[in-house]
Amino acid sequence: MRTDVLRLPRPKRREETRSFVDPVAPDVEITMTMRAPDVPTRVYAQELAAHYEAQWLAENGPRYTHVDGEPVELSSRLLLSIALLECMQTGQPEDKYGLVELIGIMVSLPNVWNQLDGWAGELIIHGIEHAEKN
């Protein structure tokens, strides 16, 4: 007999809010709420990154954006990393950081970016509750 997999409960995904400060700008606090990504979220992040690639890296695309008047060159991996963080954010749209804002954090607040990247990795690896085996 087949298991009715559509009736199985979905695993709980950890959701957390954290705030970060970078020594290069100690008066600036970045607060974000993220949820561990399930498979559909990770796949959507790949599709979002592909959309960004088509928009920014196409033959006639700009291939860079500006932060504080300086160009930041974009790449496929950079866009995928940002798309994943973008998709992991929860909350109201006005509280979420978008593509260009996340690039701004990456280049202007590098310590905050490293902490966000590490936190996202923790959520990806450990953020889905596993059923305890009896």
C-alpha atoms as a PDB file:
ATOM      1  CA  MET A   1       0.000   0.000   0.000  1.00  0.00           C
ATOM      2  CA  ARG A   2       1.287   3.441  -0.922  1.00  0.00           C
ATOM      3  CA  THR A   3       1.704   6.146   1.680  1.00  0.00           C
ATOM      4  CA  ASP A   4      -0.527   9.171   1.192  1.00  0.00           C
ATOM      5  CA  VAL A   5       2.340  11.649   1.183  1.00  0.00           C
ATOM      6  CA  LEU A   6       0.023  14.624   0.638  1.00  0.00           C
ATOM      7  CA  ARG A   7      -1.323  14.162   4.165  1.00  0.00           C
ATOM      8  CA  LEU A   8       2.072  14.110   5.853  1.00  0.00           C
ATOM      9  CA  PRO A   9       2.794  17.170   8.001  1.00  0.00           C
ATOM     10  CA  ARG A  10       5.445  19.496   6.702  1.00  0.00           C
ATOM     11  CA  PRO A  11       8.582  19.772   8.851  1.00  0.00           C
ATOM     12  CA  LYS A  12       8.845  22.917  10.928  1.00  0.00           C
ATOM     13  CA  ARG A  13      11.334  25.452   9.637  1.00  0.00           C
ATOM     14  CA  ARG A  14      13.258  27.565  12.100  1.00  0.00           C
ATOM     15  CA  GLU A  15      12.606  31.306  11.862  1.00  0.00           C
ATOM     16  CA  GLU A  16      14.788  33.845  13.626  1.00  0.00           C
ATOM     17  CA  THR A  17      15.318  37.581  13.854  1.00  0.00           C
ATOM     18  CA  ARG A  18      18.825  38.885  14.364  1.00  0.00           C
ATOM     19  CA  SER A  19      20.473  42.287  14.397  1.00  0.00           C
ATOM     20  CA  PHE A  20      24.001  43.023  13.253  1.00  0.00           C
ATOM     21  CA  VAL A  21      26.419  45.934  13.575  1.00  0.00           C
ATOM     22  CA  ASP A  22      29.615  46.353  11.585  1.00  0.00           C
ATOM     23  CA  PRO A  23      32.674  48.042  13.149  1.00  0.00           C
ATOM     24  CA  VAL A  24      33.068  50.117   9.966  1.00  0.00           C
ATOM     25  CA  ALA A  25      29.680  51.762  10.731  1.00  0.00           C
ATOM     26  CA  PRO A  26      28.924  51.179  14.438  1.00  0.00           C
ATOM     27  CA  ASP A  27      25.881  53.455  14.373  1.00  0.00           C
ATOM     28  CA  VAL A  28      24.135  51.341  11.707  1.00  0.00           C
ATOM     29  CA  GLU A  29      22.157  48.280  12.768  1.00  0.00           C
ATOM     30  CA  ILE A  30      20.815  45.776  10.247  1.00  0.00           C
ATOM     31  CA  THR A  31      17.897  43.671  11.500  1.00  0.00           C
ATOM     32  CA  MET A  32      16.549  40.803   9.461  1.00  0.00           C
ATOM     33  CA  THR A  33      14.139  37.914   9.961  1.00  0.00           C
ATOM     34  CA  MET A  34      14.894  34.754   8.026  1.00  0.00           C
ATOM     35  CA  ARG A  35      13.360  31.289   7.802  1.00  0.00           C
ATOM     36  CA  ALA A  36      15.148  28.072   6.951  1.00  0.00           C
ATOM     37  CA  PRO A  37      14.552  27.396   3.256  1.00  0.00           C
ATOM     38  CA  ASP A  38      12.683  24.305   2.175  1.00  0.00           C
ATOM     39  CA  VAL A  39      13.323  22.783  -1.251  1.00  0.00           C
ATOM     40  CA  PRO A  40      10.713  24.943  -3.058  1.00  0.00           C
ATOM     41  CA  THR A  41      12.285  28.086  -1.550  1.00  0.00           C
ATOM     42  CA  ARG A  42      15.770  27.058  -2.698  1.00  0.00           C
ATOM     43  CA  VAL A  43      14.494  26.290  -6.192  1.00  0.00           C
ATOM     44  CA  TYR A  44      12.667  29.621  -6.330  1.00  0.00           C
ATOM     45  CA  ALA A  45      15.918  31.350  -5.310  1.00  0.00           C
ATOM     46  CA  GLN A  46      17.638  29.714  -8.298  1.00  0.00           C
ATOM     47  CA  GLU A  47      14.861  30.967 -10.580  1.00  0.00           C
ATOM     48  CA  LEU A  48      15.116  34.454  -9.087  1.00  0.00           C
ATOM     49  CA  ALA A  49      18.881  34.401  -9.647  1.00  0.00           C
ATOM     50  CA  ALA A  50      18.293  33.365 -13.277  1.00  0.00           C
ATOM     51  CA  HIS A  51      15.895  36.300 -13.642  1.00  0.00           C
ATOM     52  CA  TYR A  52      18.533  38.640 -12.206  1.00  0.00           C
ATOM     53  CA  GLU A  53      21.134  37.172 -14.567  1.00  0.00           C
ATOM     54  CA  ALA A  54      18.876  37.836 -17.557  1.00  0.00           C
ATOM     55  CA  GLN A  55      18.321  41.380 -16.323  1.00  0.00           C
ATOM     56  CA  TRP A  56      21.865  42.288 -15.251  1.00  0.00           C
ATOM     57  CA  LEU A  57      24.260  39.951 -17.045  1.00  0.00           C
ATOM     58  CA  ALA A  58      22.636  39.696 -20.469  1.00  0.00           C
ATOM     59  CA  GLU A  59      24.718  40.678 -23.469  1.00  0.00           C
ATOM     60  CA  ASN A  60      23.483  44.273 -23.287  1.00  0.00           C
ATOM     61  CA  GLY A  61      22.926  44.292 -19.512  1.00  0.00           C
ATOM     62  CA  PRO A  62      24.746  46.686 -17.208  1.00  0.00           C
ATOM     63  CA  ARG A  63      26.795  43.907 -15.461  1.00  0.00           C
ATOM     64  CA  TYR A  64      27.266  46.174 -12.449  1.00  0.00           C
ATOM     65  CA  THR A  65      25.419  48.392 -10.013  1.00  0.00           C
ATOM     66  CA  HIS A  66      26.648  51.304  -7.920  1.00  0.00           C
ATOM     67  CA  VAL A  67      27.055  51.603  -4.176  1.00  0.00           C
ATOM     68  CA  ASP A  68      28.144  54.992  -2.833  1.00  0.00           C
ATOM     69  CA  GLY A  69      28.985  56.051  -6.390  1.00  0.00           C
ATOM     70  CA  GLU A  70      31.380  53.151  -6.952  1.00  0.00           C
ATOM     71  CA  PRO A  71      30.642  50.297  -9.387  1.00  0.00           C
ATOM     72  CA  VAL A  72      30.124  46.775  -8.068  1.00  0.00           C
ATOM     73  CA  GLU A  73      30.615  44.099 -10.709  1.00  0.00           C
ATOM     74  CA  LEU A  74      27.966  41.386 -10.648  1.00  0.00           C
ATOM     75  CA  SER A  75      28.397  37.669 -11.281  1.00  0.00           C
ATOM     76  CA  SER A  76      26.159  34.612 -11.442  1.00  0.00           C
ATOM     77  CA  ARG A  77      27.346  33.329  -8.056  1.00  0.00           C
ATOM     78  CA  LEU A  78      26.913  36.708  -6.402  1.00  0.00           C
ATOM     79  CA  LEU A  79      23.359  36.939  -7.732  1.00  0.00           C
ATOM     80  CA  LEU A  80      22.541  33.402  -6.541  1.00  0.00           C
ATOM     81  CA  SER A  81      23.885  34.132  -3.061  1.00  0.00           C
ATOM     82  CA  ILE A  82      21.805  37.288  -2.837  1.00  0.00           C
ATOM     83  CA  ALA A  83      18.681  35.644  -4.275  1.00  0.00           C
ATOM     84  CA  LEU A  84      18.849  32.946  -1.602  1.00  0.00           C
ATOM     85  CA  LEU A  85      19.104  35.512   1.206  1.00  0.00           C
ATOM     86  CA  GLU A  86      16.305  37.472  -0.391  1.00  0.00           C
ATOM     87  CA  CYS A  87      14.052  34.390  -0.506  1.00  0.00           C
ATOM     88  CA  MET A  88      14.836  33.394   3.082  1.00  0.00           C
ATOM     89  CA  GLN A  89      13.611  36.730   4.459  1.00  0.00           C
ATOM     90  CA  THR A  90      10.177  36.820   6.067  1.00  0.00           C
ATOM     91  CA  GLY A  91       7.958  39.629   7.262  1.00  0.00           C
ATOM     92  CA  GLN A  92       6.391  42.596   5.578  1.00  0.00           C
ATOM     93  CA  PRO A  93       7.722  43.623   2.143  1.00  0.00           C
ATOM     94  CA  GLU A  94       8.867  47.000   3.494  1.00  0.00           C
ATOM     95  CA  ASP A  95      11.036  45.198   6.077  1.00  0.00           C
ATOM     96  CA  LYS A  96      12.849  43.029   3.522  1.00  0.00           C
ATOM     97  CA  TYR A  97      16.098  43.930   1.809  1.00  0.00           C
ATOM     98  CA  GLY A  98      16.118  43.604  -1.973  1.00  0.00           C
ATOM     99  CA  LEU A  99      18.858  42.827  -4.474  1.00  0.00           C
ATOM    100  CA  VAL A 100      20.585  46.211  -4.622  1.00  0.00           C
ATOM    101  CA  GLU A 101      20.225  46.790  -0.860  1.00  0.00           C
ATOM    102  CA  LEU A 102      21.819  43.412  -0.134  1.00  0.00           C
ATOM    103  CA  ILE A 103      24.671  44.337  -2.476  1.00  0.00           C
ATOM    104  CA  GLY A 104      24.984  47.556  -0.473  1.00  0.00           C
ATOM    105  CA  ILE A 105      25.278  45.539   2.739  1.00  0.00           C
ATOM    106  CA  MET A 106      27.805  43.228   1.083  1.00  0.00           C
ATOM    107  CA  VAL A 107      30.198  45.990   0.064  1.00  0.00           C
ATOM    108  CA  SER A 108      29.584  48.672   2.709  1.00  0.00           C
ATOM    109  CA  LEU A 109      29.127  46.439   5.773  1.00  0.00           C
ATOM    110  CA  PRO A 110      31.332  43.423   5.003  1.00  0.00           C
ATOM    111  CA  ASN A 111      31.293  42.064   8.567  1.00  0.00           C
ATOM    112  CA  VAL A 112      27.494  42.185   8.618  1.00  0.00           C
ATOM    113  CA  TRP A 113      27.441  40.394   5.259  1.00  0.00           C
ATOM    114  CA  ASN A 114      29.719  37.652   6.572  1.00  0.00           C
ATOM    115  CA  GLN A 115      27.469  37.191   9.609  1.00  0.00           C
ATOM    116  CA  LEU A 116      24.340  37.099   7.416  1.00  0.00           C
ATOM    117  CA  ASP A 117      25.975  34.578   5.098  1.00  0.00           C
ATOM    118  CA  GLY A 118      27.004  32.381   8.031  1.00  0.00           C
ATOM    119  CA  TRP A 119      23.549  32.614   9.598  1.00  0.00           C
ATOM    120  CA  ALA A 120      21.918  31.635   6.289  1.00  0.00           C
ATOM    121  CA  GLY A 121      24.238  28.622   6.128  1.00  0.00           C
ATOM    122  CA  GLU A 122      23.198  27.594   9.660  1.00  0.00           C
ATOM    123  CA  LEU A 123      19.538  27.834   8.701  1.00  0.00           C
ATOM    124  CA  ILE A 124      20.076  25.844   5.510  1.00  0.00           C
ATOM    125  CA  ILE A 125      21.897  23.042   7.327  1.00  0.00           C
ATOM    126  CA  HIS A 126      20.142  22.955  10.711  1.00  0.00           C
ATOM    127  CA  GLY A 127      16.896  24.865  10.241  1.00  0.00           C
ATOM    128  CA  ILE A 128      14.548  22.033   9.364  1.00  0.00           C
ATOM    129  CA  GLU A 129      13.329  19.932  12.263  1.00  0.00           C
ATOM    130  CA  HIS A 130      13.838  16.241  11.775  1.00  0.00           C
ATOM    131  CA  ALA A 131      11.436  13.708  13.230  1.00  0.00           C
ATOM    132  CA  GLU A 132      12.894  11.831  16.144  1.00  0.00           C
ATOM    133  CA  LYS A 133      13.364   8.147  15.484  1.00  0.00           C
ATOM    134  CA  ASN A 134      11.789   5.774  17.985  1.00  0.00           C
END
